[in-house]
Amino acid sequence: MSDFLAVCAVLLPTVAVGLLFWFIMRAIIRSDKTERKVLAKYEAEERARRGM
């Protein structure tokens, strides 16, 4: 049982950092996608307002 706990103790930091990286990258990609969607909507409204 002690070997199992040692293996878990060694792998836990790597898994935790990997999950943290994944959540951060997911948040960045989602915010970029949302920003592009909002900008496209704003530009469409401006084009419609100017009659372009």
PDB file of N, CA and C in Angstrom:
ATOM      1  N   MET A   1       0.829  -1.191   0.000  1.00  0.00           N
ATOM      2  CA  MET A   1       0.000   0.000   0.000  1.00  0.00           C
ATOM      3  C   MET A   1       0.870   1.249   0.000  1.00  0.00           C
ATOM      4  N   SER A   2       2.008   1.163   0.620  1.00  0.00           N
ATOM      5  CA  SER A   2       2.906   2.302   0.696  1.00  0.00           C
ATOM      6  C   SER A   2       3.423   2.686  -0.684  1.00  0.00           C
ATOM      7  N   ASP A   3       3.655   1.677  -1.551  1.00  0.00           N
ATOM      8  CA  ASP A   3       4.106   1.962  -2.914  1.00  0.00           C
ATOM      9  C   ASP A   3       3.030   2.711  -3.695  1.00  0.00           C
ATOM     10  N   PHE A   4       1.785   2.306  -3.499  1.00  0.00           N
ATOM     11  CA  PHE A   4       0.673   2.960  -4.189  1.00  0.00           C
ATOM     12  C   PHE A   4       0.583   4.430  -3.792  1.00  0.00           C
ATOM     13  N   LEU A   5       0.710   4.713  -2.512  1.00  0.00           N
ATOM     14  CA  LEU A   5       0.652   6.100  -2.049  1.00  0.00           C
ATOM     15  C   LEU A   5       1.834   6.910  -2.572  1.00  0.00           C
ATOM     16  N   ALA A   6       2.986   6.280  -2.671  1.00  0.00           N
ATOM     17  CA  ALA A   6       4.162   6.967  -3.205  1.00  0.00           C
ATOM     18  C   ALA A   6       3.952   7.325  -4.672  1.00  0.00           C
ATOM     19  N   VAL A   7       3.383   6.395  -5.426  1.00  0.00           N
ATOM     20  CA  VAL A   7       3.105   6.665  -6.841  1.00  0.00           C
ATOM     21  C   VAL A   7       2.084   7.789  -6.971  1.00  0.00           C
ATOM     22  N   CYS A   8       1.057   7.759  -6.154  1.00  0.00           N
ATOM     23  CA  CYS A   8       0.044   8.828  -6.182  1.00  0.00           C
ATOM     24  C   CYS A   8       0.660  10.171  -5.819  1.00  0.00           C
ATOM     25  N   ALA A   9       1.529  10.184  -4.837  1.00  0.00           N
ATOM     26  CA  ALA A   9       2.176  11.427  -4.420  1.00  0.00           C
ATOM     27  C   ALA A   9       3.063  11.991  -5.517  1.00  0.00           C
ATOM     28  N   VAL A  10       3.655  11.125  -6.313  1.00  0.00           N
ATOM     29  CA  VAL A  10       4.515  11.580  -7.407  1.00  0.00           C
ATOM     30  C   VAL A  10       3.678  12.094  -8.575  1.00  0.00           C
ATOM     31  N   LEU A  11       2.574  11.429  -8.874  1.00  0.00           N
ATOM     32  CA  LEU A  11       1.764  11.797 -10.035  1.00  0.00           C
ATOM     33  C   LEU A  11       0.809  12.959  -9.775  1.00  0.00           C
ATOM     34  N   LEU A  12       0.419  13.162  -8.549  1.00  0.00           N
ATOM     35  CA  LEU A  12      -0.566  14.190  -8.225  1.00  0.00           C
ATOM     36  C   LEU A  12      -0.155  15.594  -8.675  1.00  0.00           C
ATOM     37  N   PRO A  13       1.053  16.064  -8.426  1.00  0.00           N
ATOM     38  CA  PRO A  13       1.408  17.415  -8.886  1.00  0.00           C
ATOM     39  C   PRO A  13       1.350  17.565 -10.408  1.00  0.00           C
ATOM     40  N   THR A  14       1.775  16.546 -11.131  1.00  0.00           N
ATOM     41  CA  THR A  14       1.744  16.604 -12.589  1.00  0.00           C
ATOM     42  C   THR A  14       0.308  16.677 -13.101  1.00  0.00           C
ATOM     43  N   VAL A  15      -0.549  15.862 -12.543  1.00  0.00           N
ATOM     44  CA  VAL A  15      -1.953  15.865 -12.946  1.00  0.00           C
ATOM     45  C   VAL A  15      -2.598  17.201 -12.580  1.00  0.00           C
ATOM     46  N   ALA A  16      -2.293  17.725 -11.415  1.00  0.00           N
ATOM     47  CA  ALA A  16      -2.871  18.997 -10.984  1.00  0.00           C
ATOM     48  C   ALA A  16      -2.432  20.141 -11.897  1.00  0.00           C
ATOM     49  N   VAL A  17      -1.166  20.193 -12.243  1.00  0.00           N
ATOM     50  CA  VAL A  17      -0.675  21.247 -13.137  1.00  0.00           C
ATOM     51  C   VAL A  17      -1.289  21.085 -14.525  1.00  0.00           C
ATOM     52  N   GLY A  18      -1.424  19.859 -14.982  1.00  0.00           N
ATOM     53  CA  GLY A  18      -2.056  19.609 -16.278  1.00  0.00           C
ATOM     54  C   GLY A  18      -3.500  20.074 -16.306  1.00  0.00           C
ATOM     55  N   LEU A  19      -4.244  19.775 -15.254  1.00  0.00           N
ATOM     56  CA  LEU A  19      -5.633  20.230 -15.179  1.00  0.00           C
ATOM     57  C   LEU A  19      -5.725  21.747 -15.090  1.00  0.00           C
ATOM     58  N   LEU A  20      -4.846  22.358 -14.328  1.00  0.00           N
ATOM     59  CA  LEU A  20      -4.826  23.819 -14.227  1.00  0.00           C
ATOM     60  C   LEU A  20      -4.549  24.446 -15.593  1.00  0.00           C
ATOM     61  N   PHE A  21      -3.576  23.914 -16.309  1.00  0.00           N
ATOM     62  CA  PHE A  21      -3.257  24.403 -17.654  1.00  0.00           C
ATOM     63  C   PHE A  21      -4.461  24.250 -18.578  1.00  0.00           C
ATOM     64  N   TRP A  22      -5.136  23.109 -18.499  1.00  0.00           N
ATOM     65  CA  TRP A  22      -6.291  22.855 -19.356  1.00  0.00           C
ATOM     66  C   TRP A  22      -7.415  23.849 -19.075  1.00  0.00           C
ATOM     67  N   PHE A  23      -7.713  24.107 -17.792  1.00  0.00           N
ATOM     68  CA  PHE A  23      -8.768  25.061 -17.447  1.00  0.00           C
ATOM     69  C   PHE A  23      -8.416  26.473 -17.904  1.00  0.00           C
ATOM     70  N   ILE A  24      -7.171  26.867 -17.747  1.00  0.00           N
ATOM     71  CA  ILE A  24      -6.753  28.209 -18.169  1.00  0.00           C
ATOM     72  C   ILE A  24      -6.860  28.352 -19.684  1.00  0.00           C
ATOM     73  N   MET A  25      -6.377  27.369 -20.420  1.00  0.00           N
ATOM     74  CA  MET A  25      -6.453  27.435 -21.885  1.00  0.00           C
ATOM     75  C   MET A  25      -7.902  27.428 -22.359  1.00  0.00           C
ATOM     76  N   ARG A  26      -8.747  26.641 -21.716  1.00  0.00           N
ATOM     77  CA  ARG A  26     -10.163  26.609 -22.077  1.00  0.00           C
ATOM     78  C   ARG A  26     -10.807  27.968 -21.846  1.00  0.00           C
ATOM     79  N   ALA A  27     -10.476  28.613 -20.739  1.00  0.00           N
ATOM     80  CA  ALA A  27     -11.034  29.935 -20.453  1.00  0.00           C
ATOM     81  C   ALA A  27     -10.562  30.967 -21.477  1.00  0.00           C
ATOM     82  N   ILE A  28      -9.296  30.905 -21.858  1.00  0.00           N
ATOM     83  CA  ILE A  28      -8.764  31.847 -22.843  1.00  0.00           C
ATOM     84  C   ILE A  28      -9.451  31.648 -24.192  1.00  0.00           C
ATOM     85  N   ILE A  29      -9.591  30.407 -24.611  1.00  0.00           N
ATOM     86  CA  ILE A  29     -10.206  30.128 -25.909  1.00  0.00           C
ATOM     87  C   ILE A  29     -11.676  30.525 -25.911  1.00  0.00           C
ATOM     88  N   ARG A  30     -12.379  30.241 -24.836  1.00  0.00           N
ATOM     89  CA  ARG A  30     -13.795  30.621 -24.764  1.00  0.00           C
ATOM     90  C   ARG A  30     -13.962  32.135 -24.749  1.00  0.00           C
ATOM     91  N   SER A  31     -13.119  32.838 -24.022  1.00  0.00           N
ATOM     92  CA  SER A  31     -13.253  34.297 -23.978  1.00  0.00           C
ATOM     93  C   SER A  31     -12.928  34.905 -25.334  1.00  0.00           C
ATOM     94  N   ASP A  32     -11.960  34.337 -26.046  1.00  0.00           N
ATOM     95  CA  ASP A  32     -11.631  34.827 -27.383  1.00  0.00           C
ATOM     96  C   ASP A  32     -12.800  34.602 -28.333  1.00  0.00           C
ATOM     97  N   LYS A  33     -13.421  33.433 -28.242  1.00  0.00           N
ATOM     98  CA  LYS A  33     -14.556  33.127 -29.111  1.00  0.00           C
ATOM     99  C   LYS A  33     -15.720  34.075 -28.813  1.00  0.00           C
ATOM    100  N   THR A  34     -15.974  34.332 -27.545  1.00  0.00           N
ATOM    101  CA  THR A  34     -17.049  35.241 -27.155  1.00  0.00           C
ATOM    102  C   THR A  34     -16.750  36.659 -27.618  1.00  0.00           C
ATOM    103  N   GLU A  35     -15.500  37.082 -27.482  1.00  0.00           N
ATOM    104  CA  GLU A  35     -15.117  38.424 -27.912  1.00  0.00           C
ATOM    105  C   GLU A  35     -15.322  38.591 -29.415  1.00  0.00           C
ATOM    106  N   ARG A  36     -14.933  37.603 -30.199  1.00  0.00           N
ATOM    107  CA  ARG A  36     -15.121  37.681 -31.651  1.00  0.00           C
ATOM    108  C   ARG A  36     -16.600  37.725 -32.008  1.00  0.00           C
ATOM    109  N   LYS A  37     -17.431  36.974 -31.287  1.00  0.00           N
ATOM    110  CA  LYS A  37     -18.867  36.959 -31.553  1.00  0.00           C
ATOM    111  C   LYS A  37     -19.483  38.329 -31.255  1.00  0.00           C
ATOM    112  N   VAL A  38     -19.112  38.931 -30.143  1.00  0.00           N
ATOM    113  CA  VAL A  38     -19.634  40.242 -29.770  1.00  0.00           C
ATOM    114  C   VAL A  38     -19.156  41.307 -30.754  1.00  0.00           C
ATOM    115  N   LEU A  39     -17.897  41.239 -31.160  1.00  0.00           N
ATOM    116  CA  LEU A  39     -17.363  42.205 -32.116  1.00  0.00           C
ATOM    117  C   LEU A  39     -18.068  42.089 -33.464  1.00  0.00           C
ATOM    118  N   ALA A  40     -18.342  40.885 -33.919  1.00  0.00           N
ATOM    119  CA  ALA A  40     -19.055  40.696 -35.182  1.00  0.00           C
ATOM    120  C   ALA A  40     -20.466  41.270 -35.098  1.00  0.00           C
ATOM    121  N   LYS A  41     -21.121  41.083 -33.970  1.00  0.00           N
ATOM    122  CA  LYS A  41     -22.467  41.636 -33.784  1.00  0.00           C
ATOM    123  C   LYS A  41     -22.418  43.159 -33.801  1.00  0.00           C
ATOM    124  N   TYR A  42     -21.447  43.731 -33.120  1.00  0.00           N
ATOM    125  CA  TYR A  42     -21.295  45.189 -33.078  1.00  0.00           C
ATOM    126  C   TYR A  42     -21.027  45.742 -34.475  1.00  0.00           C
ATOM    127  N   GLU A  43     -20.137  45.085 -35.224  1.00  0.00           N
ATOM    128  CA  GLU A  43     -19.820  45.552 -36.571  1.00  0.00           C
ATOM    129  C   GLU A  43     -21.033  45.434 -37.491  1.00  0.00           C
ATOM    130  N   ALA A  44     -21.822  44.381 -37.348  1.00  0.00           N
ATOM    131  CA  ALA A  44     -23.035  44.229 -38.157  1.00  0.00           C
ATOM    132  C   ALA A  44     -24.035  45.330 -37.836  1.00  0.00           C
ATOM    133  N   GLU A  45     -24.181  45.668 -36.565  1.00  0.00           N
ATOM    134  CA  GLU A  45     -25.082  46.754 -36.180  1.00  0.00           C
ATOM    135  C   GLU A  45     -24.604  48.086 -36.745  1.00  0.00           C
ATOM    136  N   GLU A  46     -23.307  48.321 -36.712  1.00  0.00           N
ATOM    137  CA  GLU A  46     -22.757  49.566 -37.263  1.00  0.00           C
ATOM    138  C   GLU A  46     -22.965  49.633 -38.778  1.00  0.00           C
ATOM    139  N   ARG A  47     -22.744  48.527 -39.471  1.00  0.00           N
ATOM    140  CA  ARG A  47     -22.973  48.507 -40.919  1.00  0.00           C
ATOM    141  C   ARG A  47     -24.442  48.762 -41.230  1.00  0.00           C
ATOM    142  N   ALA A  48     -25.344  48.162 -40.449  1.00  0.00           N
ATOM    143  CA  ALA A  48     -26.780  48.360 -40.668  1.00  0.00           C
ATOM    144  C   ALA A  48     -27.168  49.810 -40.383  1.00  0.00           C
ATOM    145  N   ARG A  49     -26.586  50.388 -39.370  1.00  0.00           N
ATOM    146  CA  ARG A  49     -26.903  51.767 -39.008  1.00  0.00           C
ATOM    147  C   ARG A  49     -26.435  52.734 -40.094  1.00  0.00           C
ATOM    148  N   ARG A  50     -25.288  52.449 -40.691  1.00  0.00           N
ATOM    149  CA  ARG A  50     -24.743  53.318 -41.734  1.00  0.00           C
ATOM    150  C   ARG A  50     -25.291  52.976 -43.120  1.00  0.00           C
ATOM    151  N   GLY A  51     -26.042  51.896 -43.208  1.00  0.00           N
ATOM    152  CA  GLY A  51     -26.633  51.505 -44.485  1.00  0.00           C
ATOM    153  C   GLY A  51     -25.646  50.890 -45.449  1.00  0.00           C
ATOM    154  N   MET A  52     -24.655  50.236 -44.935  1.00  0.00           N
ATOM    155  CA  MET A  52     -23.638  49.631 -45.805  1.00  0.00           C
ATOM    156  C   MET A  52     -24.021  48.237 -46.137  1.00  0.00           C
TER     157      MET A  52
END
